[in-house]
Amino acid sequence: MASTKDDIATGVLQALDKADSILTNEVFPEAKTLDIKAALDRLGGRSMITYETLERDEYLLETEAEQIAANGSHEARVFEALRQAVEGLTVADLEKAVGDKQVTKLGQGKAFREKWIAKTSDGKFKAVAETITDTTRQQLLDIQKSRTYPDAKVIAELRKRKLIRLQKVVNFRVVKGAKFALEITKEETDLTVEMLASGAWKTATFKPYNFNALGADQNAGALHPLNKVRQEFRQIFFEMGFEEMPTDKFVESGFWNFDTLFVPQQHPARDLQDTFYISDPVKADPPRATDANDTKDYKQYWDNVRQVHETGKFDSIGYRYPWSPDESLKLVLRTHTTAISSAMLHRLAAKKGPDGRPPPARYFSIDRVFRNESVDATHLAEFHQVEGVIADYGLTLGGLMEFMKIFFDKMGLEDLMFKPAYNPYTEPSMEIFSFHKGLNKLVEIGNSGMFRPEMLESMGLPRDMRVYGWGLSLERPTMIKYGISNIRELLGHKVDLNFIKKNPAVRLDKN
């Protein structure tokens, strides 16, 4: 049995045999648009016909509008009921006369505004107009007849009242092609061994290649937008001579996550409301060497950190509180990648350059961190932190500001402004702002500072070595680049997989 598309294709040829051109909605009023187009493409590919697509907007009446077209508008029905009751009607009697409580309620207000009815001194409603014109009904009847209306304001008002809906109608005008015929020649799609052996290929008609076809979906993998922007950041860091830090430790001890960074054990960031604590196991082992090449004295480092917190050391007076080893060994989901920076700087202290001192170094990391925060449009309990540190001799705050301008300029962020800030492990500290042209205001894009001497000297770094540190989130620039307003559409279980597959690569350019 022939398919619907085959029937349409045959019908098109038969109709064209009797006319120079046809309109498909007249010949096939019940057929689906996709079936018609498929049949036309099949005939067009054989040059049997040519066609053009005609589109127009039609307005259809909703159920309520059909009732108005048949029985009159709500206000007209209220007026007619009151006109027949010469002495007027109460609200209850009016509802009975109209026969519909909702129609009475809506029509009553409109009839009042049109001054068709009025309220008498005894509280009844009474018709006061001699005659009326039911404009709404006439408009709907005109639309029902022609599927359109010349006055755009009327259309807008009826759509606002949800009386009509827009429907796009697709039609095709078809004319004969260069190879028009009443029969569709069978086209071979493959050259087979049998055809070669029998010689049938000599008289066979082969289907031409359709170079405009999109082809089958290969279901290829795709990088997440965060990974695309992450790669751009990594390229910037590599161009500037940075080494990537290992970031595979999502779980850290309080020692590396807080204490080595001079964050006191009473700091609000260490509360359950801000940090995820691990329940099994609860505690980590004290810091120790992880391989034979690690020659650092971890016991001395542990003692230095404890003294810096409790009584002060390296010219610092400390926080002056009883430091708890148990608190320091509690396991947490890392709240920042600065814990990794601290471990890398500790390793750097053991290295010896040509002059017998630790050599300059540049490190960066981009990975996931965790905060015990409420989830909303701009916050998640997990996000990605972009962090960089530079360790060298003779560094100054002015040098950090200049470096920040160079670094962010590579992302297309110019006109930076700096604001003094407080971080437990950097002094001085600065928040970094840039003017956002789209929002027409300054927005914070990162945080920075120079690591405190008591933090660095505890590791064994020389007193004249300085360290720049700065960080920003990966999600904010990604949301800006891809036009995303809700972070939950970027990361998490609610992300649309089509969004990940179809979005292009992004470049951190100035445009």
Protein backbone atom coordinates (compact mmCIF):
# COMPACT_ATOMS: atom_id res chain seq x y z
CA MET A 1 0.00 0.00 0.00
CA ALA A 2 1.30 3.44 -0.87
CA SER A 3 2.30 5.69 2.01
CA THR A 4 0.75 9.11 2.64
CA LYS A 5 3.75 10.79 1.06
CA ASP A 6 3.45 8.60 -2.04
CA ASP A 7 -0.25 9.45 -2.31
CA ILE A 8 0.54 13.16 -2.05
CA ALA A 9 3.29 12.93 -4.67
CA THR A 10 0.94 11.14 -7.11
CA GLY A 11 -1.82 13.62 -6.35
CA VAL A 12 0.48 16.57 -7.07
CA LEU A 13 1.38 15.18 -10.50
CA GLN A 14 -2.22 14.46 -11.38
CA ALA A 15 -3.35 17.95 -10.30
CA LEU A 16 -0.52 19.61 -12.25
CA ASP A 17 -1.49 17.65 -15.35
CA LYS A 18 -4.75 19.64 -15.35
CA ALA A 19 -3.38 23.08 -14.36
CA ASP A 20 -0.28 25.22 -14.78
CA SER A 21 0.12 25.62 -11.01
CA ILE A 22 -1.57 24.45 -7.84
CA LEU A 23 -1.76 25.46 -4.18
CA THR A 24 -1.29 22.47 -1.90
CA ASN A 25 -3.76 23.59 0.77
CA GLU A 26 -6.50 23.53 -1.87
CA VAL A 27 -5.57 20.10 -3.23
CA PHE A 28 -4.68 18.50 0.13
CA PRO A 29 -6.65 20.42 2.80
CA GLU A 30 -6.29 17.64 5.41
CA ALA A 31 -2.66 16.63 4.80
CA LYS A 32 0.14 17.47 7.22
CA THR A 33 2.59 20.17 6.17
CA LEU A 34 5.62 17.94 6.80
CA ASP A 35 4.18 15.16 4.63
CA ILE A 36 3.46 17.62 1.81
CA LYS A 37 6.97 19.08 1.95
CA ALA A 38 8.55 15.63 1.96
CA ALA A 39 6.57 14.68 -1.17
CA LEU A 40 7.48 17.97 -2.90
CA ASP A 41 11.17 17.55 -2.05
CA ARG A 42 11.04 14.07 -3.52
CA LEU A 43 9.55 15.35 -6.79
CA GLY A 44 11.74 18.44 -6.82
CA GLY A 45 14.87 16.30 -6.47
CA ARG A 46 13.87 14.59 -9.71
CA SER A 47 13.20 17.96 -11.44
CA MET A 48 9.60 16.92 -11.96
CA ILE A 49 8.25 20.01 -10.19
CA THR A 50 9.42 23.26 -8.64
CA TYR A 51 7.69 24.96 -5.74
CA GLU A 52 7.79 28.03 -3.51
CA THR A 53 6.79 28.28 0.12
CA LEU A 54 4.02 30.70 1.06
CA GLU A 55 3.54 31.59 4.73
CA ARG A 56 0.85 33.68 6.35
CA ASP A 57 -0.51 34.31 9.81
CA GLU A 58 -4.10 33.36 10.59
CA TYR A 59 -6.12 34.13 13.69
CA LEU A 60 -8.41 31.45 15.11
CA LEU A 61 -11.18 31.93 17.65
CA GLU A 62 -10.84 30.38 21.07
CA THR A 63 -13.80 28.51 22.61
CA GLU A 64 -15.06 31.59 24.46
CA ALA A 65 -14.79 33.69 21.29
CA GLU A 66 -16.81 31.11 19.33
CA GLN A 67 -19.58 31.43 21.91
CA ILE A 68 -19.46 35.21 21.60
CA ALA A 69 -19.64 34.98 17.80
CA ALA A 70 -22.68 32.73 18.10
CA ASN A 71 -24.58 34.37 20.99
CA GLY A 72 -23.18 37.89 21.33
CA SER A 73 -20.65 39.47 23.64
CA HIS A 74 -21.03 39.29 27.41
CA GLU A 75 -21.94 42.96 27.66
CA ALA A 76 -24.47 42.70 24.83
CA ARG A 77 -26.17 39.71 26.47
CA VAL A 78 -26.41 41.62 29.76
CA PHE A 79 -27.89 44.63 27.97
CA GLU A 80 -30.44 42.51 26.07
CA ALA A 81 -31.59 40.81 29.29
CA LEU A 82 -32.09 44.19 30.97
CA ARG A 83 -33.76 45.71 27.91
CA GLN A 84 -36.41 43.02 28.00
CA ALA A 85 -36.96 43.55 31.73
CA VAL A 86 -38.28 47.09 31.59
CA GLU A 87 -38.40 47.58 35.37
CA GLY A 88 -34.83 46.34 35.84
CA LEU A 89 -33.33 43.26 37.51
CA THR A 90 -31.41 42.41 40.66
CA VAL A 91 -28.03 40.71 40.36
CA ALA A 92 -29.57 37.29 41.08
CA ASP A 93 -32.37 37.83 38.56
CA LEU A 94 -29.89 39.10 35.97
CA GLU A 95 -27.80 35.93 36.35
CA LYS A 96 -30.92 33.82 35.81
CA ALA A 97 -31.94 35.85 32.75
CA VAL A 98 -28.50 35.63 31.15
CA GLY A 99 -28.07 31.99 32.14
CA ASP A 100 -24.36 32.22 33.00
CA LYS A 101 -22.89 33.70 36.18
CA GLN A 102 -19.45 34.34 34.65
CA VAL A 103 -20.90 36.02 31.56
CA THR A 104 -23.02 38.24 33.82
CA LYS A 105 -20.05 39.22 35.96
CA LEU A 106 -17.78 40.12 33.00
CA GLY A 107 -20.49 41.69 30.86
CA GLN A 108 -21.87 43.84 33.65
CA GLY A 109 -18.62 45.83 34.05
CA LYS A 110 -18.15 46.35 30.31
CA ALA A 111 -21.81 47.41 29.87
CA PHE A 112 -21.36 49.99 32.65
CA ARG A 113 -18.24 51.41 30.97
CA GLU A 114 -20.09 51.64 27.64
CA LYS A 115 -22.97 53.41 29.49
CA TRP A 116 -25.46 50.84 28.22
CA ILE A 117 -26.81 50.11 31.70
CA ALA A 118 -27.14 51.94 35.02
CA LYS A 119 -28.02 51.20 38.62
CA THR A 120 -31.34 52.38 39.99
CA SER A 121 -31.97 53.85 43.45
CA ASP A 122 -33.41 50.53 44.67
CA GLY A 123 -30.23 48.64 43.70
CA LYS A 124 -31.43 47.09 40.46
CA PHE A 125 -29.74 47.19 37.05
CA LYS A 126 -31.57 48.79 34.14
CA ALA A 127 -30.88 49.29 30.42
CA VAL A 128 -30.50 53.01 29.58
CA ALA A 129 -29.21 52.99 25.95
CA GLU A 130 -31.69 53.04 23.08
CA THR A 131 -29.65 50.76 20.84
CA ILE A 132 -26.16 49.28 20.94
CA THR A 133 -23.60 47.97 18.48
CA ASP A 134 -21.99 44.69 19.51
CA THR A 135 -18.54 45.58 18.20
CA THR A 136 -16.72 42.65 19.81
CA ARG A 137 -19.04 40.10 18.21
CA GLN A 138 -18.74 41.73 14.80
CA GLN A 139 -14.95 41.78 15.04
CA LEU A 140 -14.87 38.09 15.91
CA LEU A 141 -17.26 37.24 13.08
CA ASP A 142 -15.00 39.08 10.63
CA ILE A 143 -11.96 37.21 11.92
CA GLN A 144 -13.84 33.90 11.79
CA LYS A 145 -14.67 34.57 8.13
CA SER A 146 -11.33 35.94 6.83
CA ARG A 147 -8.89 34.62 9.50
CA THR A 148 -7.38 38.12 9.77
CA TYR A 149 -8.29 41.73 10.66
CA PRO A 150 -6.91 45.04 9.34
CA ASP A 151 -6.69 46.85 12.70
CA ALA A 152 -3.59 45.78 14.67
CA LYS A 153 -4.92 47.40 17.87
CA VAL A 154 -8.06 45.29 17.73
CA ILE A 155 -6.00 42.14 17.22
CA ALA A 156 -3.77 43.05 20.17
CA GLU A 157 -6.78 43.67 22.43
CA LEU A 158 -8.49 40.40 21.47
CA ARG A 159 -5.28 38.45 22.02
CA LYS A 160 -4.86 40.14 25.39
CA ARG A 161 -8.38 38.99 26.31
CA LYS A 162 -7.39 35.50 25.09
CA LEU A 163 -10.26 35.40 22.61
CA ILE A 164 -8.10 34.63 19.57
CA ARG A 165 -4.82 32.83 18.92
CA LEU A 166 -2.21 33.15 16.18
CA GLN A 167 -1.56 30.26 13.85
CA LYS A 168 1.09 30.19 11.13
CA VAL A 169 -0.18 28.61 7.92
CA VAL A 170 2.30 27.18 5.43
CA ASN A 171 1.23 26.70 1.83
CA PHE A 172 3.14 25.68 -1.29
CA ARG A 173 2.69 26.93 -4.85
CA VAL A 174 3.73 24.13 -7.24
CA VAL A 175 4.49 24.30 -10.99
CA LYS A 176 5.75 21.75 -13.51
CA GLY A 177 9.47 21.04 -13.68
CA ALA A 178 11.80 20.27 -16.60
CA LYS A 179 11.22 16.49 -16.26
CA PHE A 180 7.51 16.55 -15.45
CA ALA A 181 5.75 13.21 -15.93
CA LEU A 182 2.73 11.46 -14.46
CA GLU A 183 4.76 8.49 -13.25
CA ILE A 184 7.58 8.56 -10.73
CA THR A 185 10.59 6.68 -12.05
CA LYS A 186 12.18 4.33 -9.57
CA GLU A 187 15.64 5.54 -8.61
CA GLU A 188 18.35 3.21 -7.44
CA THR A 189 20.33 4.27 -4.39
CA ASP A 190 23.18 1.74 -4.65
CA LEU A 191 25.27 0.19 -7.40
CA THR A 192 25.17 -3.53 -6.63
CA VAL A 193 27.23 -6.50 -7.81
CA GLU A 194 24.11 -7.95 -9.42
CA MET A 195 23.55 -4.79 -11.48
CA LEU A 196 27.15 -4.87 -12.70
CA ALA A 197 26.91 -8.56 -13.65
CA SER A 198 23.61 -8.24 -15.52
CA GLY A 199 24.33 -4.87 -17.11
CA ALA A 200 21.20 -3.39 -15.54
CA TRP A 201 23.22 -0.40 -14.37
CA LYS A 202 23.33 0.88 -17.97
CA THR A 203 19.59 1.64 -18.05
CA ALA A 204 19.02 2.25 -14.33
CA THR A 205 18.20 5.70 -12.97
CA PHE A 206 20.28 6.55 -9.92
CA LYS A 207 19.18 8.88 -7.17
CA PRO A 208 21.45 11.95 -7.10
CA TYR A 209 23.36 12.87 -3.97
CA ASN A 210 21.70 15.46 -1.77
CA PHE A 211 24.60 17.61 -0.69
CA ASN A 212 22.27 19.85 1.34
CA ALA A 213 21.19 17.03 3.67
CA LEU A 214 22.32 17.44 7.25
CA GLY A 215 23.15 13.78 7.65
CA ALA A 216 22.55 11.51 10.62
CA ASP A 217 23.27 12.78 14.10
CA GLN A 218 26.55 11.23 15.22
CA ASN A 219 25.80 11.82 18.92
CA ALA A 220 29.34 13.05 19.42
CA GLY A 221 30.57 14.11 22.83
CA ALA A 222 30.83 17.76 23.78
CA LEU A 223 32.83 19.81 26.26
CA HIS A 224 30.87 21.50 29.01
CA PRO A 225 30.92 25.33 28.67
CA LEU A 226 32.87 25.51 31.94
CA ASN A 227 35.57 23.33 30.41
CA LYS A 228 35.69 25.53 27.32
CA VAL A 229 36.27 28.68 29.37
CA ARG A 230 38.64 26.76 31.67
CA GLN A 231 40.81 25.89 28.69
CA GLU A 232 41.00 29.58 27.75
CA PHE A 233 42.18 30.43 31.27
CA ARG A 234 44.76 27.63 31.21
CA GLN A 235 46.13 28.96 27.94
CA ILE A 236 46.55 32.43 29.47
CA PHE A 237 48.42 30.99 32.44
CA PHE A 238 50.71 28.87 30.26
CA GLU A 239 51.49 31.87 28.03
CA MET A 240 52.60 33.75 31.15
CA GLY A 241 54.95 31.00 32.33
CA PHE A 242 52.83 29.35 35.05
CA GLU A 243 52.95 25.73 36.20
CA GLU A 244 49.65 23.94 36.91
CA MET A 245 49.22 22.63 40.44
CA PRO A 246 47.77 19.15 41.14
CA THR A 247 44.20 19.62 42.33
CA ASP A 248 42.97 16.05 42.83
CA LYS A 249 42.43 16.35 46.61
CA PHE A 250 38.83 17.40 47.26
CA VAL A 251 39.20 16.46 50.94
CA GLU A 252 41.73 18.41 53.03
CA SER A 253 42.53 18.62 56.71
CA GLY A 254 41.80 21.81 58.59
CA PHE A 255 45.57 22.20 58.89
CA TRP A 256 46.12 22.72 55.16
CA ASN A 257 42.74 24.33 54.43
CA PHE A 258 42.80 26.85 57.31
CA ASP A 259 45.69 26.76 59.77
CA THR A 260 48.59 27.05 57.30
CA LEU A 261 46.77 30.06 55.84
CA PHE A 262 46.70 31.82 59.21
CA VAL A 263 42.89 31.42 59.51
CA PRO A 264 42.11 31.24 63.26
CA GLN A 265 40.17 28.27 64.57
CA GLN A 266 37.39 30.58 65.77
CA HIS A 267 36.92 32.12 62.31
CA PRO A 268 33.26 32.06 61.03
CA ALA A 269 34.41 30.30 57.83
CA ARG A 270 35.14 27.21 59.95
CA ASP A 271 31.57 26.95 61.24
CA LEU A 272 29.27 24.15 60.06
CA GLN A 273 27.17 26.79 58.29
CA ASP A 274 30.06 27.59 55.93
CA THR A 275 32.10 24.38 55.66
CA PHE A 276 31.31 20.73 54.91
CA TYR A 277 32.96 18.47 57.50
CA ILE A 278 33.66 14.78 56.81
CA SER A 279 32.00 12.34 59.23
CA ASP A 280 33.92 9.16 58.32
CA PRO A 281 36.81 9.38 58.95
CA VAL A 282 36.55 12.44 61.14
CA LYS A 283 40.28 13.20 61.48
CA ALA A 284 43.37 13.13 59.29
CA ASP A 285 46.85 12.03 60.24
CA PRO A 286 49.33 14.79 61.14
CA PRO A 287 51.15 16.18 58.08
CA ARG A 288 54.05 14.00 56.95
CA ALA A 289 56.22 13.26 53.93
CA THR A 290 54.37 11.44 51.12
CA ASP A 291 57.38 10.06 49.23
CA ALA A 292 61.17 9.49 49.56
CA ASN A 293 61.95 12.74 47.73
CA ASP A 294 60.04 14.81 50.29
CA THR A 295 62.72 15.89 52.80
CA LYS A 296 60.85 18.68 54.54
CA ASP A 297 60.60 18.71 58.32
CA TYR A 298 56.82 18.53 58.80
CA LYS A 299 57.08 18.43 62.59
CA GLN A 300 58.86 21.79 62.57
CA TYR A 301 56.25 23.19 60.20
CA TRP A 302 53.47 21.92 62.47
CA ASP A 303 55.11 23.56 65.49
CA ASN A 304 55.65 26.82 63.60
CA VAL A 305 51.96 27.00 62.60
CA ARG A 306 50.88 26.28 66.16
CA GLN A 307 53.15 28.96 67.62
CA VAL A 308 52.09 31.55 65.02
CA HIS A 309 48.46 31.01 66.05
CA GLU A 310 48.97 30.75 69.81
CA THR A 311 51.70 33.16 70.82
CA GLY A 312 53.06 34.61 67.61
CA LYS A 313 56.34 34.05 65.80
CA PHE A 314 58.39 35.61 63.00
CA ASP A 315 57.62 39.11 64.33
CA SER A 316 53.89 38.36 64.55
CA ILE A 317 51.99 38.52 67.84
CA GLY A 318 49.60 35.79 66.62
CA TYR A 319 45.95 35.41 67.58
CA ARG A 320 46.69 34.53 71.24
CA TYR A 321 44.29 31.63 71.78
CA PRO A 322 44.79 27.95 72.72
CA TRP A 323 45.32 26.24 69.36
CA SER A 324 43.74 22.76 69.15
CA PRO A 325 45.52 19.95 67.24
CA ASP A 326 42.23 18.01 67.03
CA GLU A 327 40.52 20.96 65.37
CA SER A 328 43.41 21.26 62.92
CA LEU A 329 43.14 17.61 61.87
CA LYS A 330 39.39 17.63 61.15
CA LEU A 331 38.67 16.61 57.54
CA VAL A 332 36.73 19.04 55.34
CA LEU A 333 35.70 19.40 51.73
CA ARG A 334 38.16 22.06 50.63
CA THR A 335 36.65 25.54 50.69
CA HIS A 336 39.27 26.99 48.35
CA THR A 337 42.19 25.84 46.21
CA THR A 338 44.49 28.07 48.27
CA ALA A 339 45.04 24.97 50.42
CA ILE A 340 46.91 23.52 47.42
CA SER A 341 48.86 26.75 46.97
CA SER A 342 49.97 26.49 50.60
CA ALA A 343 51.23 22.91 50.07
CA MET A 344 53.06 23.92 46.87
CA LEU A 345 54.78 26.85 48.58
CA HIS A 346 55.78 24.50 51.42
CA ARG A 347 57.45 22.23 48.85
CA LEU A 348 59.07 25.23 47.18
CA ALA A 349 60.80 26.09 50.48
CA ALA A 350 62.75 22.81 50.26
CA LYS A 351 64.07 23.52 46.76
CA LYS A 352 67.47 25.15 46.27
CA GLY A 353 68.35 27.37 43.33
CA PRO A 354 71.87 28.23 42.09
CA ASP A 355 72.26 30.67 44.98
CA GLY A 356 71.17 28.10 47.56
CA ARG A 357 67.78 29.71 48.06
CA PRO A 358 64.31 28.68 46.82
CA PRO A 359 63.90 29.69 43.15
CA PRO A 360 61.09 31.97 41.89
CA ALA A 361 57.94 30.09 40.90
CA ARG A 362 54.57 30.65 39.28
CA TYR A 363 51.68 28.28 40.04
CA PHE A 364 48.02 28.17 39.05
CA SER A 365 45.02 25.89 39.56
CA ILE A 366 41.43 25.68 38.29
CA ASP A 367 39.23 23.20 40.10
CA ARG A 368 36.18 22.59 42.23
CA VAL A 369 35.69 23.87 45.78
CA PHE A 370 32.82 23.46 48.25
CA ARG A 371 30.96 25.87 50.52
CA ASN A 372 27.97 25.14 52.75
CA GLU A 373 25.80 27.84 51.14
CA SER A 374 22.13 28.14 50.26
CA VAL A 375 21.50 27.46 46.58
CA ASP A 376 20.00 30.30 44.53
CA ALA A 377 20.35 31.88 41.08
CA THR A 378 23.94 33.01 41.74
CA HIS A 379 25.21 30.53 44.38
CA LEU A 380 25.83 26.81 44.50
CA ALA A 381 27.30 24.64 47.24
CA GLU A 382 30.13 23.82 44.83
CA PHE A 383 31.86 25.95 42.22
CA HIS A 384 35.21 26.31 40.47
CA GLN A 385 38.00 28.59 41.65
CA VAL A 386 40.68 30.03 39.38
CA GLU A 387 43.80 30.75 41.43
CA GLY A 388 47.31 31.95 40.72
CA VAL A 389 50.38 32.59 42.90
CA ILE A 390 53.75 34.15 42.07
CA ALA A 391 56.71 33.66 44.43
CA ASP A 392 59.75 35.88 43.84
CA TYR A 393 62.13 38.32 45.51
CA GLY A 394 61.54 42.06 45.65
CA LEU A 395 57.84 41.94 44.84
CA THR A 396 55.72 44.98 45.72
CA LEU A 397 52.02 45.83 45.89
CA GLY A 398 52.38 48.07 42.83
CA GLY A 399 53.80 45.11 40.93
CA LEU A 400 50.75 43.03 41.89
CA MET A 401 48.40 45.73 40.58
CA GLU A 402 50.33 45.96 37.31
CA PHE A 403 50.30 42.19 36.91
CA MET A 404 46.54 42.09 37.54
CA LYS A 405 46.02 44.63 34.74
CA ILE A 406 48.07 42.51 32.33
CA PHE A 407 46.35 39.27 33.40
CA PHE A 408 42.78 40.55 33.13
CA ASP A 409 43.55 42.45 29.93
CA LYS A 410 44.10 39.06 28.29
CA MET A 411 40.49 38.27 29.15
CA GLY A 412 39.21 41.52 27.70
CA LEU A 413 38.66 43.15 31.10
CA GLU A 414 40.08 46.66 31.23
CA ASP A 415 39.85 49.75 33.45
CA LEU A 416 40.44 47.82 36.67
CA MET A 417 39.86 49.38 40.05
CA PHE A 418 41.19 48.09 43.38
CA LYS A 419 39.58 48.29 46.80
CA PRO A 420 41.33 47.50 50.10
CA ALA A 421 40.01 44.31 51.68
CA TYR A 422 40.71 41.85 54.48
CA ASN A 423 41.87 38.24 54.12
CA PRO A 424 43.39 36.28 57.03
CA TYR A 425 46.33 35.08 54.91
CA THR A 426 47.13 38.17 52.77
CA GLU A 427 48.22 41.65 53.82
CA PRO A 428 47.75 43.97 52.05
CA SER A 429 44.62 42.58 50.34
CA MET A 430 42.60 44.01 47.45
CA GLU A 431 39.27 43.29 45.79
CA ILE A 432 39.42 43.75 42.01
CA PHE A 433 36.64 45.51 40.10
CA SER A 434 35.99 46.11 36.40
CA PHE A 435 33.38 48.26 34.68
CA HIS A 436 30.71 46.06 33.10
CA LYS A 437 29.32 47.86 30.03
CA GLY A 438 26.24 45.65 29.85
CA LEU A 439 25.25 46.30 33.47
CA ASN A 440 26.65 49.85 33.34
CA LYS A 441 28.32 49.48 36.72
CA LEU A 442 31.46 48.21 38.47
CA VAL A 443 31.40 44.48 39.25
CA GLU A 444 33.79 42.51 41.45
CA ILE A 445 35.84 40.08 39.38
CA GLY A 446 38.37 38.74 41.88
CA ASN A 447 40.32 38.99 45.12
CA SER A 448 44.07 39.38 45.58
CA GLY A 449 46.85 40.18 48.01
CA MET A 450 50.37 39.42 49.21
CA PHE A 451 50.69 36.41 51.51
CA ARG A 452 51.51 37.28 55.11
CA PRO A 453 55.13 36.83 56.28
CA GLU A 454 54.15 34.64 59.26
CA MET A 455 52.45 32.25 56.82
CA LEU A 456 55.46 32.07 54.46
CA GLU A 457 58.24 31.99 57.04
CA SER A 458 56.51 29.15 58.89
CA MET A 459 57.10 27.06 55.76
CA GLY A 460 60.80 27.88 55.72
CA LEU A 461 60.71 30.42 52.88
CA PRO A 462 63.30 33.21 53.24
CA ARG A 463 62.15 36.50 54.71
CA ASP A 464 62.83 38.49 51.52
CA MET A 465 60.67 36.19 49.33
CA ARG A 466 57.24 37.63 48.59
CA VAL A 467 54.20 35.86 47.15
CA TYR A 468 51.33 37.32 45.12
CA GLY A 469 48.03 35.50 45.31
CA TRP A 470 44.71 36.10 43.54
CA GLY A 471 41.58 34.20 42.64
CA LEU A 472 38.21 34.39 40.94
CA SER A 473 35.39 32.01 40.11
CA LEU A 474 35.14 30.19 36.79
CA GLU A 475 31.33 30.34 36.74
CA ARG A 476 30.96 34.14 36.59
CA PRO A 477 32.91 34.72 33.33
CA THR A 478 31.27 31.62 31.83
CA MET A 479 27.78 32.92 32.64
CA ILE A 480 28.67 36.30 31.11
CA LYS A 481 30.10 34.77 27.94
CA TYR A 482 27.14 32.43 27.36
CA GLY A 483 24.42 34.84 28.51
CA ILE A 484 23.27 32.72 31.48
CA SER A 485 21.45 34.44 34.36
CA ASN A 486 20.87 31.40 36.62
CA ILE A 487 23.90 29.38 37.71
CA ARG A 488 21.70 26.27 38.07
CA GLU A 489 21.34 26.26 34.28
CA LEU A 490 25.15 25.98 34.03
CA LEU A 491 26.07 23.38 36.65
CA GLY A 492 24.09 20.62 38.31
CA HIS A 493 21.34 18.11 37.56
CA LYS A 494 19.05 20.70 35.92
CA VAL A 495 21.43 21.50 33.05
CA ASP A 496 19.96 20.97 29.57
CA LEU A 497 22.20 18.52 27.68
CA ASN A 498 21.31 20.22 24.38
CA PHE A 499 22.75 23.43 25.84
CA ILE A 500 26.04 21.62 26.41
CA LYS A 501 26.08 19.95 22.99
CA LYS A 502 25.16 22.94 20.82
CA ASN A 503 27.02 25.85 22.42
CA PRO A 504 30.16 26.86 20.52
CA ALA A 505 33.63 27.33 21.90
CA VAL A 506 34.20 30.74 23.46
CA ARG A 507 37.10 33.13 23.29
CA LEU A 508 37.97 35.56 26.06
CA ASP A 509 38.20 38.48 23.65
CA LYS A 510 37.33 42.14 24.03
CA ASN A 511 34.11 41.83 22.07
